[in-house]
Amino acid sequence: MDIMEKLDSLHRMGADKYVHLWQYLFANMLQGFWPRLFAVCFLGLSFWFGVRRRNLQLGFVFFVLTLFVTFAAQLLKLSGLS
C-alpha cells in the first residue's frame, strides 16, 4: 500500500490544485499543434510496435495514449470541469 500512497497525487497537493493542473494542461498544452503532434507520434508508435515488432500490448498502450490525447480536451469540456 505504501507504493500506492506514493503514486497518489492528492497526497502531495490539494484536490482543487490537482483539478487546476489538469485544466491548465488541457487548455494550454493539449489543444492545437501539440496534441496533433503527440497523436501522430503515438499512432505511429502504435503501428510500429503492434505490427512491425509484433508487441500487441505496447501497441495497444500507444493507441490508448493516442485516443487520450485526441479526445481528452473534449471530454473535459463535456464533464463541465473546463
Foldseek 3Di string as FASTA:
>chain_A
DVVVVVVDCCVVDPPVVVLVVVVCCLVPPLDDDRLVVLLVVLQVVLCCCVPVVVPNVSSVVSNVVSVCSVCVSVVCVVVPSD
